[in-house]
Every structure is written in C-alpha cells, then in structure tokens.
Amino acid sequence: MMKNNDILTTKKFKRHFRKYIKSGHPAYILDQEGNMYVFHRVTFATKSGHHTNWKIDPNPDKTKKTPMYIVKQEQKDNQKHFSKKELPYNADLDFIKRAKKK
C-alpha cells in the first residue's frame, strides 16, 4: 500500500528573465536541465536572420519604451553564463512552449 510520503512531488519551474552574460542582453529562461538553462534570447530586432521574432508589447522592462522581441529559436547554456539574480520583469509569456525533443 502506498502512503502519501511515497509520492514524489516535483516543483514546477518558474519561468523568468536573467541577464545572459555572453551577450549582455536579457534571456527568457524556460526550464532547467541539470546545470543547464533552456532559454530564448531577447532583442530589439524584429527579425533574426530570415526568421521573425515574437513581439512583446508593452516591454516588460519598464525603463524601455520600444517593444521587446524574443527569438523563436530555443537555446541551452550553462548556468554560469547567466546572472545570479533574476531580472524584475513581469510578463505573461505562456504562449511560448518548449520545443519537442527529437
């Protein structure tokens, strides 16, 4: 017979923004896999290469008047390449889903 103590509960990852040290720009962190973050880059450009970016308007960074754009391509990098503190941006970005694993 299984008891309540035997049930494993997993804490849901809270999505947030952090500064990506390699570029100096913010990044939208979707998930954590071990010591790696899964994230999308943040930019002010409407396009990255031939791909259009997601427009976030109004900008969650209240110090900026221009809209924020998030690159659609998902990336992974080590946590040491991100700031220790989360950025104080508030945005409802639930439309961004994790890419399907191949």
PDB file of N, CA and C in Angstrom:
ATOM      1  N   MET A   1       0.840  -1.180   0.000  1.00  0.00           N
ATOM      2  CA  MET A   1       0.000   0.000   0.000  1.00  0.00           C
ATOM      3  C   MET A   1       0.887   1.247   0.000  1.00  0.00           C
ATOM      4  N   MET A   2       0.551   2.195  -0.823  1.00  0.00           N
ATOM      5  CA  MET A   2       1.351   3.407  -0.955  1.00  0.00           C
ATOM      6  C   MET A   2       0.845   4.481   0.003  1.00  0.00           C
ATOM      7  N   LYS A   3       1.756   5.150   0.648  1.00  0.00           N
ATOM      8  CA  LYS A   3       1.410   6.223   1.576  1.00  0.00           C
ATOM      9  C   LYS A   3       1.698   7.567   0.921  1.00  0.00           C
ATOM     10  N   ASN A   4       1.191   8.626   1.522  1.00  0.00           N
ATOM     11  CA  ASN A   4       1.413   9.972   0.990  1.00  0.00           C
ATOM     12  C   ASN A   4       2.890  10.327   0.929  1.00  0.00           C
ATOM     13  N   ASN A   5       3.689   9.810   1.848  1.00  0.00           N
ATOM     14  CA  ASN A   5       5.119  10.117   1.871  1.00  0.00           C
ATOM     15  C   ASN A   5       5.858   9.494   0.692  1.00  0.00           C
ATOM     16  N   ASP A   6       5.267   8.444   0.102  1.00  0.00           N
ATOM     17  CA  ASP A   6       5.916   7.753  -1.005  1.00  0.00           C
ATOM     18  C   ASP A   6       5.733   8.474  -2.341  1.00  0.00           C
ATOM     19  N   ILE A   7       4.773   9.363  -2.401  1.00  0.00           N
ATOM     20  CA  ILE A   7       4.501  10.070  -3.655  1.00  0.00           C
ATOM     21  C   ILE A   7       5.532  11.171  -3.838  1.00  0.00           C
ATOM     22  N   LEU A   8       6.200  11.141  -4.972  1.00  0.00           N
ATOM     23  CA  LEU A   8       7.199  12.175  -5.265  1.00  0.00           C
ATOM     24  C   LEU A   8       6.506  13.372  -5.885  1.00  0.00           C
ATOM     25  N   THR A   9       6.776  14.531  -5.350  1.00  0.00           N
ATOM     26  CA  THR A   9       6.225  15.752  -5.923  1.00  0.00           C
ATOM     27  C   THR A   9       7.357  16.518  -6.586  1.00  0.00           C
ATOM     28  N   THR A  10       7.091  17.008  -7.754  1.00  0.00           N
ATOM     29  CA  THR A  10       8.093  17.800  -8.460  1.00  0.00           C
ATOM     30  C   THR A  10       7.641  19.250  -8.460  1.00  0.00           C
ATOM     31  N   LYS A  11       8.553  20.127  -8.181  1.00  0.00           N
ATOM     32  CA  LYS A  11       8.273  21.554  -8.156  1.00  0.00           C
ATOM     33  C   LYS A  11       8.299  22.075  -9.590  1.00  0.00           C
ATOM     34  N   LYS A  12       7.258  22.808  -9.973  1.00  0.00           N
ATOM     35  CA  LYS A  12       7.182  23.372 -11.315  1.00  0.00           C
ATOM     36  C   LYS A  12       8.187  24.519 -11.437  1.00  0.00           C
ATOM     37  N   PHE A  13       8.929  24.542 -12.547  1.00  0.00           N
ATOM     38  CA  PHE A  13       9.936  25.576 -12.768  1.00  0.00           C
ATOM     39  C   PHE A  13       9.248  26.900 -13.074  1.00  0.00           C
ATOM     40  N   LYS A  14       9.669  27.961 -12.397  1.00  0.00           N
ATOM     41  CA  LYS A  14       9.117  29.299 -12.617  1.00  0.00           C
ATOM     42  C   LYS A  14       9.929  29.983 -13.710  1.00  0.00           C
ATOM     43  N   ARG A  15       9.285  30.294 -14.814  1.00  0.00           N
ATOM     44  CA  ARG A  15       9.963  30.989 -15.912  1.00  0.00           C
ATOM     45  C   ARG A  15      10.302  32.408 -15.486  1.00  0.00           C
ATOM     46  N   HIS A  16      11.441  32.903 -15.977  1.00  0.00           N
ATOM     47  CA  HIS A  16      11.891  34.225 -15.553  1.00  0.00           C
ATOM     48  C   HIS A  16      12.940  34.755 -16.530  1.00  0.00           C
ATOM     49  N   PHE A  17      13.316  36.014 -16.325  1.00  0.00           N
ATOM     50  CA  PHE A  17      14.361  36.654 -17.115  1.00  0.00           C
ATOM     51  C   PHE A  17      15.637  36.731 -16.286  1.00  0.00           C
ATOM     52  N   ARG A  18      16.772  36.522 -16.945  1.00  0.00           N
ATOM     53  CA  ARG A  18      18.095  36.740 -16.351  1.00  0.00           C
ATOM     54  C   ARG A  18      18.972  37.383 -17.418  1.00  0.00           C
ATOM     55  N   LYS A  19      20.014  38.062 -16.974  1.00  0.00           N
ATOM     56  CA  LYS A  19      20.968  38.635 -17.918  1.00  0.00           C
ATOM     57  C   LYS A  19      21.875  37.516 -18.428  1.00  0.00           C
ATOM     58  N   TYR A  20      21.985  37.417 -19.758  1.00  0.00           N
ATOM     59  CA  TYR A  20      22.872  36.441 -20.395  1.00  0.00           C
ATOM     60  C   TYR A  20      24.230  37.117 -20.533  1.00  0.00           C
ATOM     61  N   ILE A  21      25.204  36.674 -19.769  1.00  0.00           N
ATOM     62  CA  ILE A  21      26.490  37.355 -19.656  1.00  0.00           C
ATOM     63  C   ILE A  21      27.247  37.382 -20.987  1.00  0.00           C
ATOM     64  N   LYS A  22      27.109  36.338 -21.808  1.00  0.00           N
ATOM     65  CA  LYS A  22      27.836  36.280 -23.082  1.00  0.00           C
ATOM     66  C   LYS A  22      27.447  37.428 -24.012  1.00  0.00           C
ATOM     67  N   SER A  23      26.169  37.792 -24.035  1.00  0.00           N
ATOM     68  CA  SER A  23      25.719  38.848 -24.941  1.00  0.00           C
ATOM     69  C   SER A  23      25.458  40.166 -24.222  1.00  0.00           C
ATOM     70  N   GLY A  24      25.232  40.113 -22.920  1.00  0.00           N
ATOM     71  CA  GLY A  24      24.895  41.320 -22.174  1.00  0.00           C
ATOM     72  C   GLY A  24      23.413  41.658 -22.244  1.00  0.00           C
ATOM     73  N   HIS A  25      22.630  40.849 -22.962  1.00  0.00           N
ATOM     74  CA  HIS A  25      21.191  41.075 -23.104  1.00  0.00           C
ATOM     75  C   HIS A  25      20.430  40.154 -22.154  1.00  0.00           C
ATOM     76  N   PRO A  26      19.181  40.485 -21.866  1.00  0.00           N
ATOM     77  CA  PRO A  26      18.372  39.569 -21.068  1.00  0.00           C
ATOM     78  C   PRO A  26      18.054  38.297 -21.858  1.00  0.00           C
ATOM     79  N   ALA A  27      17.709  37.251 -21.137  1.00  0.00           N
ATOM     80  CA  ALA A  27      17.267  35.997 -21.742  1.00  0.00           C
ATOM     81  C   ALA A  27      16.038  35.529 -20.978  1.00  0.00           C
ATOM     82  N   TYR A  28      15.104  34.904 -21.697  1.00  0.00           N
ATOM     83  CA  TYR A  28      13.901  34.369 -21.072  1.00  0.00           C
ATOM     84  C   TYR A  28      14.142  32.896 -20.783  1.00  0.00           C
ATOM     85  N   ILE A  29      14.259  32.532 -19.510  1.00  0.00           N
ATOM     86  CA  ILE A  29      14.585  31.173 -19.090  1.00  0.00           C
ATOM     87  C   ILE A  29      13.295  30.356 -19.024  1.00  0.00           C
ATOM     88  N   LEU A  30      13.249  29.269 -19.810  1.00  0.00           N
ATOM     89  CA  LEU A  30      12.069  28.405 -19.848  1.00  0.00           C
ATOM     90  C   LEU A  30      12.144  27.257 -18.860  1.00  0.00           C
ATOM     91  N   ASP A  31      13.340  26.667 -18.730  1.00  0.00           N
ATOM     92  CA  ASP A  31      13.464  25.444 -17.946  1.00  0.00           C
ATOM     93  C   ASP A  31      14.911  25.253 -17.508  1.00  0.00           C
ATOM     94  N   GLN A  32      15.103  24.325 -16.600  1.00  0.00           N
ATOM     95  CA  GLN A  32      16.438  23.985 -16.113  1.00  0.00           C
ATOM     96  C   GLN A  32      16.618  22.484 -16.270  1.00  0.00           C
ATOM     97  N   GLU A  33      17.725  22.081 -16.900  1.00  0.00           N
ATOM     98  CA  GLU A  33      18.060  20.670 -17.070  1.00  0.00           C
ATOM     99  C   GLU A  33      19.440  20.455 -16.467  1.00  0.00           C
ATOM    100  N   GLY A  34      19.479  19.963 -15.244  1.00  0.00           N
ATOM    101  CA  GLY A  34      20.760  19.802 -14.553  1.00  0.00           C
ATOM    102  C   GLY A  34      21.364  21.165 -14.278  1.00  0.00           C
ATOM    103  N   ASN A  35      22.584  21.400 -14.798  1.00  0.00           N
ATOM    104  CA  ASN A  35      23.226  22.712 -14.616  1.00  0.00           C
ATOM    105  C   ASN A  35      23.087  23.583 -15.867  1.00  0.00           C
ATOM    106  N   MET A  36      22.142  23.245 -16.733  1.00  0.00           N
ATOM    107  CA  MET A  36      21.905  23.994 -17.969  1.00  0.00           C
ATOM    108  C   MET A  36      20.548  24.700 -17.896  1.00  0.00           C
ATOM    109  N   TYR A  37      20.484  25.899 -18.506  1.00  0.00           N
ATOM    110  CA  TYR A  37      19.220  26.600 -18.674  1.00  0.00           C
ATOM    111  C   TYR A  37      18.782  26.460 -20.126  1.00  0.00           C
ATOM    112  N   VAL A  38      17.485  26.269 -20.340  1.00  0.00           N
ATOM    113  CA  VAL A  38      16.874  26.306 -21.663  1.00  0.00           C
ATOM    114  C   VAL A  38      16.248  27.693 -21.768  1.00  0.00           C
ATOM    115  N   PHE A  39      16.603  28.448 -22.828  1.00  0.00           N
ATOM    116  CA  PHE A  39      16.202  29.854 -22.869  1.00  0.00           C
ATOM    117  C   PHE A  39      15.987  30.345 -24.296  1.00  0.00           C
ATOM    118  N   HIS A  40      15.382  31.532 -24.389  1.00  0.00           N
ATOM    119  CA  HIS A  40      15.235  32.281 -25.637  1.00  0.00           C
ATOM    120  C   HIS A  40      15.954  33.615 -25.456  1.00  0.00           C
ATOM    121  N   ARG A  41      16.663  34.048 -26.493  1.00  0.00           N
ATOM    122  CA  ARG A  41      17.350  35.342 -26.441  1.00  0.00           C
ATOM    123  C   ARG A  41      16.342  36.481 -26.561  1.00  0.00           C
ATOM    124  N   VAL A  42      16.670  37.618 -25.983  1.00  0.00           N
ATOM    125  CA  VAL A  42      15.845  38.822 -26.058  1.00  0.00           C
ATOM    126  C   VAL A  42      16.583  39.839 -26.907  1.00  0.00           C
ATOM    127  N   THR A  43      15.845  40.542 -27.785  1.00  0.00           N
ATOM    128  CA  THR A  43      16.456  41.504 -28.696  1.00  0.00           C
ATOM    129  C   THR A  43      15.480  42.651 -28.962  1.00  0.00           C
ATOM    130  N   PHE A  44      15.952  43.668 -29.672  1.00  0.00           N
ATOM    131  CA  PHE A  44      15.082  44.748 -30.127  1.00  0.00           C
ATOM    132  C   PHE A  44      14.812  44.645 -31.620  1.00  0.00           C
ATOM    133  N   ALA A  45      15.370  43.622 -32.277  1.00  0.00           N
ATOM    134  CA  ALA A  45      15.212  43.441 -33.720  1.00  0.00           C
ATOM    135  C   ALA A  45      13.939  42.655 -34.026  1.00  0.00           C
ATOM    136  N   THR A  46      13.248  43.042 -35.097  1.00  0.00           N
ATOM    137  CA  THR A  46      12.030  42.336 -35.491  1.00  0.00           C
ATOM    138  C   THR A  46      12.342  40.981 -36.119  1.00  0.00           C
ATOM    139  N   LYS A  47      13.552  40.839 -36.677  1.00  0.00           N
ATOM    140  CA  LYS A  47      13.953  39.587 -37.316  1.00  0.00           C
ATOM    141  C   LYS A  47      15.327  39.157 -36.835  1.00  0.00           C
ATOM    142  N   SER A  48      15.534  37.840 -36.812  1.00  0.00           N
ATOM    143  CA  SER A  48      16.852  37.254 -36.558  1.00  0.00           C
ATOM    144  C   SER A  48      17.151  36.356 -37.748  1.00  0.00           C
ATOM    145  N   GLY A  49      18.053  36.802 -38.594  1.00  0.00           N
ATOM    146  CA  GLY A  49      18.277  36.093 -39.855  1.00  0.00           C
ATOM    147  C   GLY A  49      17.050  36.274 -40.736  1.00  0.00           C
ATOM    148  N   HIS A  50      16.475  35.163 -41.191  1.00  0.00           N
ATOM    149  CA  HIS A  50      15.262  35.222 -42.017  1.00  0.00           C
ATOM    150  C   HIS A  50      14.004  34.952 -41.199  1.00  0.00           C
ATOM    151  N   HIS A  51      14.138  34.819 -39.892  1.00  0.00           N
ATOM    152  CA  HIS A  51      13.018  34.445 -39.033  1.00  0.00           C
ATOM    153  C   HIS A  51      12.501  35.651 -38.260  1.00  0.00           C
ATOM    154  N   THR A  52      11.176  35.778 -38.212  1.00  0.00           N
ATOM    155  CA  THR A  52      10.587  36.860 -37.421  1.00  0.00           C
ATOM    156  C   THR A  52      10.586  36.462 -35.948  1.00  0.00           C
ATOM    157  N   ASN A  53      10.729  37.447 -35.086  1.00  0.00           N
ATOM    158  CA  ASN A  53      10.756  37.224 -33.642  1.00  0.00           C
ATOM    159  C   ASN A  53       9.385  37.511 -33.050  1.00  0.00           C
ATOM    160  N   TRP A  54       9.124  36.969 -31.847  1.00  0.00           N
ATOM    161  CA  TRP A  54       7.876  37.251 -31.147  1.00  0.00           C
ATOM    162  C   TRP A  54       7.947  38.659 -30.568  1.00  0.00           C
ATOM    163  N   LYS A  55       6.912  39.449 -30.816  1.00  0.00           N
ATOM    164  CA  LYS A  55       6.859  40.819 -30.304  1.00  0.00           C
ATOM    165  C   LYS A  55       6.169  40.820 -28.943  1.00  0.00           C
ATOM    166  N   ILE A  56       6.798  41.451 -27.965  1.00  0.00           N
ATOM    167  CA  ILE A  56       6.240  41.581 -26.618  1.00  0.00           C
ATOM    168  C   ILE A  56       6.011  43.073 -26.374  1.00  0.00           C
ATOM    169  N   ASP A  57       4.737  43.470 -26.389  1.00  0.00           N
ATOM    170  CA  ASP A  57       4.400  44.875 -26.224  1.00  0.00           C
ATOM    171  C   ASP A  57       3.233  44.980 -25.253  1.00  0.00           C
ATOM    172  N   PRO A  58       3.323  45.674 -24.172  1.00  0.00           N
ATOM    173  CA  PRO A  58       4.389  46.588 -23.786  1.00  0.00           C
ATOM    174  C   PRO A  58       5.613  45.838 -23.272  1.00  0.00           C
ATOM    175  N   ASN A  59       6.730  46.514 -23.330  1.00  0.00           N
ATOM    176  CA  ASN A  59       8.001  45.939 -22.907  1.00  0.00           C
ATOM    177  C   ASN A  59       7.968  45.668 -21.396  1.00  0.00           C
ATOM    178  N   PRO A  60       8.308  44.430 -20.964  1.00  0.00           N
ATOM    179  CA  PRO A  60       8.342  44.136 -19.522  1.00  0.00           C
ATOM    180  C   PRO A  60       9.391  44.959 -18.768  1.00  0.00           C
ATOM    181  N   ASP A  61      10.423  45.421 -19.479  1.00  0.00           N
ATOM    182  CA  ASP A  61      11.430  46.303 -18.882  1.00  0.00           C
ATOM    183  C   ASP A  61      10.864  47.720 -18.932  1.00  0.00           C
ATOM    184  N   LYS A  62      10.389  48.202 -17.807  1.00  0.00           N
ATOM    185  CA  LYS A  62       9.694  49.497 -17.754  1.00  0.00           C
ATOM    186  C   LYS A  62      10.589  50.682 -18.095  1.00  0.00           C
ATOM    187  N   THR A  63      11.919  50.494 -18.141  1.00  0.00           N
ATOM    188  CA  THR A  63      12.819  51.594 -18.482  1.00  0.00           C
ATOM    189  C   THR A  63      12.921  51.792 -19.993  1.00  0.00           C
ATOM    190  N   LYS A  64      12.398  50.856 -20.787  1.00  0.00           N
ATOM    191  CA  LYS A  64      12.470  50.925 -22.254  1.00  0.00           C
ATOM    192  C   LYS A  64      11.094  51.245 -22.833  1.00  0.00           C
ATOM    193  N   LYS A  65      11.068  52.105 -23.831  1.00  0.00           N
ATOM    194  CA  LYS A  65       9.813  52.478 -24.490  1.00  0.00           C
ATOM    195  C   LYS A  65       9.517  51.588 -25.698  1.00  0.00           C
ATOM    196  N   THR A  66      10.570  51.055 -26.332  1.00  0.00           N
ATOM    197  CA  THR A  66      10.385  50.231 -27.530  1.00  0.00           C
ATOM    198  C   THR A  66       9.953  48.817 -27.141  1.00  0.00           C
ATOM    199  N   PRO A  67       9.236  48.114 -28.034  1.00  0.00           N
ATOM    200  CA  PRO A  67       8.809  46.751 -27.707  1.00  0.00           C
ATOM    201  C   PRO A  67       9.987  45.785 -27.642  1.00  0.00           C
ATOM    202  N   MET A  68       9.813  44.737 -26.869  1.00  0.00           N
ATOM    203  CA  MET A  68      10.817  43.680 -26.739  1.00  0.00           C
ATOM    204  C   MET A  68      10.475  42.581 -27.746  1.00  0.00           C
ATOM    205  N   TYR A  69      11.493  41.960 -28.308  1.00  0.00           N
ATOM    206  CA  TYR A  69      11.311  40.822 -29.203  1.00  0.00           C
ATOM    207  C   TYR A  69      12.061  39.630 -28.632  1.00  0.00           C
ATOM    208  N   ILE A  70      11.456  38.448 -28.741  1.00  0.00           N
ATOM    209  CA  ILE A  70      12.079  37.216 -28.271  1.00  0.00           C
ATOM    210  C   ILE A  70      12.321  36.318 -29.471  1.00  0.00           C
ATOM    211  N   VAL A  71      13.558  35.849 -29.611  1.00  0.00           N
ATOM    212  CA  VAL A  71      13.947  34.975 -30.716  1.00  0.00           C
ATOM    213  C   VAL A  71      13.260  33.628 -30.531  1.00  0.00           C
ATOM    214  N   LYS A  72      12.690  33.082 -31.607  1.00  0.00           N
ATOM    215  CA  LYS A  72      11.929  31.837 -31.519  1.00  0.00           C
ATOM    216  C   LYS A  72      12.807  30.617 -31.281  1.00  0.00           C
ATOM    217  N   GLN A  73      14.057  30.685 -31.675  1.00  0.00           N
ATOM    218  CA  GLN A  73      14.947  29.532 -31.531  1.00  0.00           C
ATOM    219  C   GLN A  73      15.307  29.315 -30.061  1.00  0.00           C
ATOM    220  N   GLU A  74      15.086  28.102 -29.592  1.00  0.00           N
ATOM    221  CA  GLU A  74      15.404  27.717 -28.216  1.00  0.00           C
ATOM    222  C   GLU A  74      16.883  27.369 -28.119  1.00  0.00           C
ATOM    223  N   GLN A  75      17.535  27.787 -27.034  1.00  0.00           N
ATOM    224  CA  GLN A  75      18.953  27.507 -26.839  1.00  0.00           C
ATOM    225  C   GLN A  75      19.184  26.928 -25.451  1.00  0.00           C
ATOM    226  N   LYS A  76      20.356  26.310 -25.264  1.00  0.00           N
ATOM    227  CA  LYS A  76      20.767  25.797 -23.954  1.00  0.00           C
ATOM    228  C   LYS A  76      22.168  26.301 -23.669  1.00  0.00           C
ATOM    229  N   ASP A  77      22.416  26.652 -22.408  1.00  0.00           N
ATOM    230  CA  ASP A  77      23.755  27.047 -21.993  1.00  0.00           C
ATOM    231  C   ASP A  77      23.889  26.831 -20.488  1.00  0.00           C
ATOM    232  N   ASN A  78      25.137  26.769 -20.047  1.00  0.00           N
ATOM    233  CA  ASN A  78      25.453  26.532 -18.648  1.00  0.00           C
ATOM    234  C   ASN A  78      24.978  27.703 -17.790  1.00  0.00           C
ATOM    235  N   GLN A  79      24.553  27.391 -16.570  1.00  0.00           N
ATOM    236  CA  GLN A  79      24.056  28.423 -15.651  1.00  0.00           C
ATOM    237  C   GLN A  79      25.102  29.470 -15.313  1.00  0.00           C
ATOM    238  N   LYS A  80      26.369  29.125 -15.403  1.00  0.00           N
ATOM    239  CA  LYS A  80      27.412  30.087 -15.043  1.00  0.00           C
ATOM    240  C   LYS A  80      27.476  31.259 -16.022  1.00  0.00           C
ATOM    241  N   HIS A  81      26.807  31.143 -17.182  1.00  0.00           N
ATOM    242  CA  HIS A  81      26.791  32.219 -18.175  1.00  0.00           C
ATOM    243  C   HIS A  81      25.604  33.174 -17.985  1.00  0.00           C
ATOM    244  N   PHE A  82      24.914  33.046 -16.853  1.00  0.00           N
ATOM    245  CA  PHE A  82      23.767  33.898 -16.553  1.00  0.00           C
ATOM    246  C   PHE A  82      23.996  34.609 -15.225  1.00  0.00           C
ATOM    247  N   SER A  83      23.315  35.737 -15.050  1.00  0.00           N
ATOM    248  CA  SER A  83      23.434  36.480 -13.790  1.00  0.00           C
ATOM    249  C   SER A  83      22.884  35.639 -12.639  1.00  0.00           C
ATOM    250  N   LYS A  84      23.352  35.945 -11.445  1.00  0.00           N
ATOM    251  CA  LYS A  84      22.897  35.217 -10.253  1.00  0.00           C
ATOM    252  C   LYS A  84      21.456  35.591  -9.895  1.00  0.00           C
ATOM    253  N   LYS A  85      21.108  36.866 -10.103  1.00  0.00           N
ATOM    254  CA  LYS A  85      19.777  37.345  -9.740  1.00  0.00           C
ATOM    255  C   LYS A  85      18.856  37.364 -10.957  1.00  0.00           C
ATOM    256  N   GLU A  86      17.575  37.119 -10.692  1.00  0.00           N
ATOM    257  CA  GLU A  86      16.563  37.249 -11.733  1.00  0.00           C
ATOM    258  C   GLU A  86      16.325  38.733 -12.007  1.00  0.00           C
ATOM    259  N   LEU A  87      15.960  39.052 -13.244  1.00  0.00           N
ATOM    260  CA  LEU A  87      15.613  40.430 -13.583  1.00  0.00           C
ATOM    261  C   LEU A  87      14.161  40.686 -13.179  1.00  0.00           C
ATOM    262  N   PRO A  88      13.829  41.904 -12.758  1.00  0.00           N
ATOM    263  CA  PRO A  88      12.484  42.191 -12.233  1.00  0.00           C
ATOM    264  C   PRO A  88      11.451  42.476 -13.323  1.00  0.00           C
ATOM    265  N   TYR A  89      11.447  41.709 -14.394  1.00  0.00           N
ATOM    266  CA  TYR A  89      10.498  41.912 -15.489  1.00  0.00           C
ATOM    267  C   TYR A  89       9.277  41.031 -15.251  1.00  0.00           C
ATOM    268  N   ASN A  90       8.106  41.589 -15.487  1.00  0.00           N
ATOM    269  CA  ASN A  90       6.864  40.830 -15.368  1.00  0.00           C
ATOM    270  C   ASN A  90       6.199  40.774 -16.732  1.00  0.00           C
ATOM    271  N   ALA A  91       5.961  39.556 -17.209  1.00  0.00           N
ATOM    272  CA  ALA A  91       5.304  39.390 -18.498  1.00  0.00           C
ATOM    273  C   ALA A  91       4.580  38.053 -18.519  1.00  0.00           C
ATOM    274  N   ASP A  92       3.423  38.018 -19.163  1.00  0.00           N
ATOM    275  CA  ASP A  92       2.660  36.786 -19.314  1.00  0.00           C
ATOM    276  C   ASP A  92       3.045  36.168 -20.657  1.00  0.00           C
ATOM    277  N   LEU A  93       3.999  35.252 -20.627  1.00  0.00           N
ATOM    278  CA  LEU A  93       4.525  34.657 -21.856  1.00  0.00           C
ATOM    279  C   LEU A  93       4.213  33.164 -21.919  1.00  0.00           C
ATOM    280  N   ASP A  94       3.000  32.788 -21.523  1.00  0.00           N
ATOM    281  CA  ASP A  94       2.619  31.376 -21.518  1.00  0.00           C
ATOM    282  C   ASP A  94       2.482  30.798 -22.926  1.00  0.00           C
ATOM    283  N   PHE A  95       2.410  31.650 -23.950  1.00  0.00           N
ATOM    284  CA  PHE A  95       2.298  31.147 -25.319  1.00  0.00           C
ATOM    285  C   PHE A  95       3.592  30.488 -25.790  1.00  0.00           C
ATOM    286  N   ILE A  96       4.710  30.750 -25.121  1.00  0.00           N
ATOM    287  CA  ILE A  96       5.994  30.155 -25.503  1.00  0.00           C
ATOM    288  C   ILE A  96       6.069  28.756 -24.903  1.00  0.00           C
ATOM    289  N   LYS A  97       6.139  27.764 -25.764  1.00  0.00           N
ATOM    290  CA  LYS A  97       6.188  26.367 -25.333  1.00  0.00           C
ATOM    291  C   LYS A  97       7.573  25.805 -25.582  1.00  0.00           C
ATOM    292  N   ARG A  98       7.912  24.753 -24.836  1.00  0.00           N
ATOM    293  CA  ARG A  98       9.174  24.041 -25.059  1.00  0.00           C
ATOM    294  C   ARG A  98       9.115  23.330 -26.399  1.00  0.00           C
ATOM    295  N   ALA A  99      10.250  23.295 -27.094  1.00  0.00           N
ATOM    296  CA  ALA A  99      10.339  22.564 -28.356  1.00  0.00           C
ATOM    297  C   ALA A  99      10.256  21.072 -28.068  1.00  0.00           C
ATOM    298  N   LYS A 100       9.682  20.337 -29.003  1.00  0.00           N
ATOM    299  CA  LYS A 100       9.586  18.891 -28.830  1.00  0.00           C
ATOM    300  C   LYS A 100      10.957  18.273 -28.980  1.00  0.00           C
ATOM    301  N   LYS A 101      11.258  17.295 -28.120  1.00  0.00           N
ATOM    302  CA  LYS A 101      12.550  16.619 -28.195  1.00  0.00           C
ATOM    303  C   LYS A 101      12.559  15.684 -29.389  1.00  0.00           C
ATOM    304  N   LYS A 102      13.687  15.667 -30.090  1.00  0.00           N
ATOM    305  CA  LYS A 102      13.805  14.822 -31.285  1.00  0.00           C
ATOM    306  C   LYS A 102      14.202  13.424 -30.917  1.00  0.00           C
TER     307      LYS A 102
END
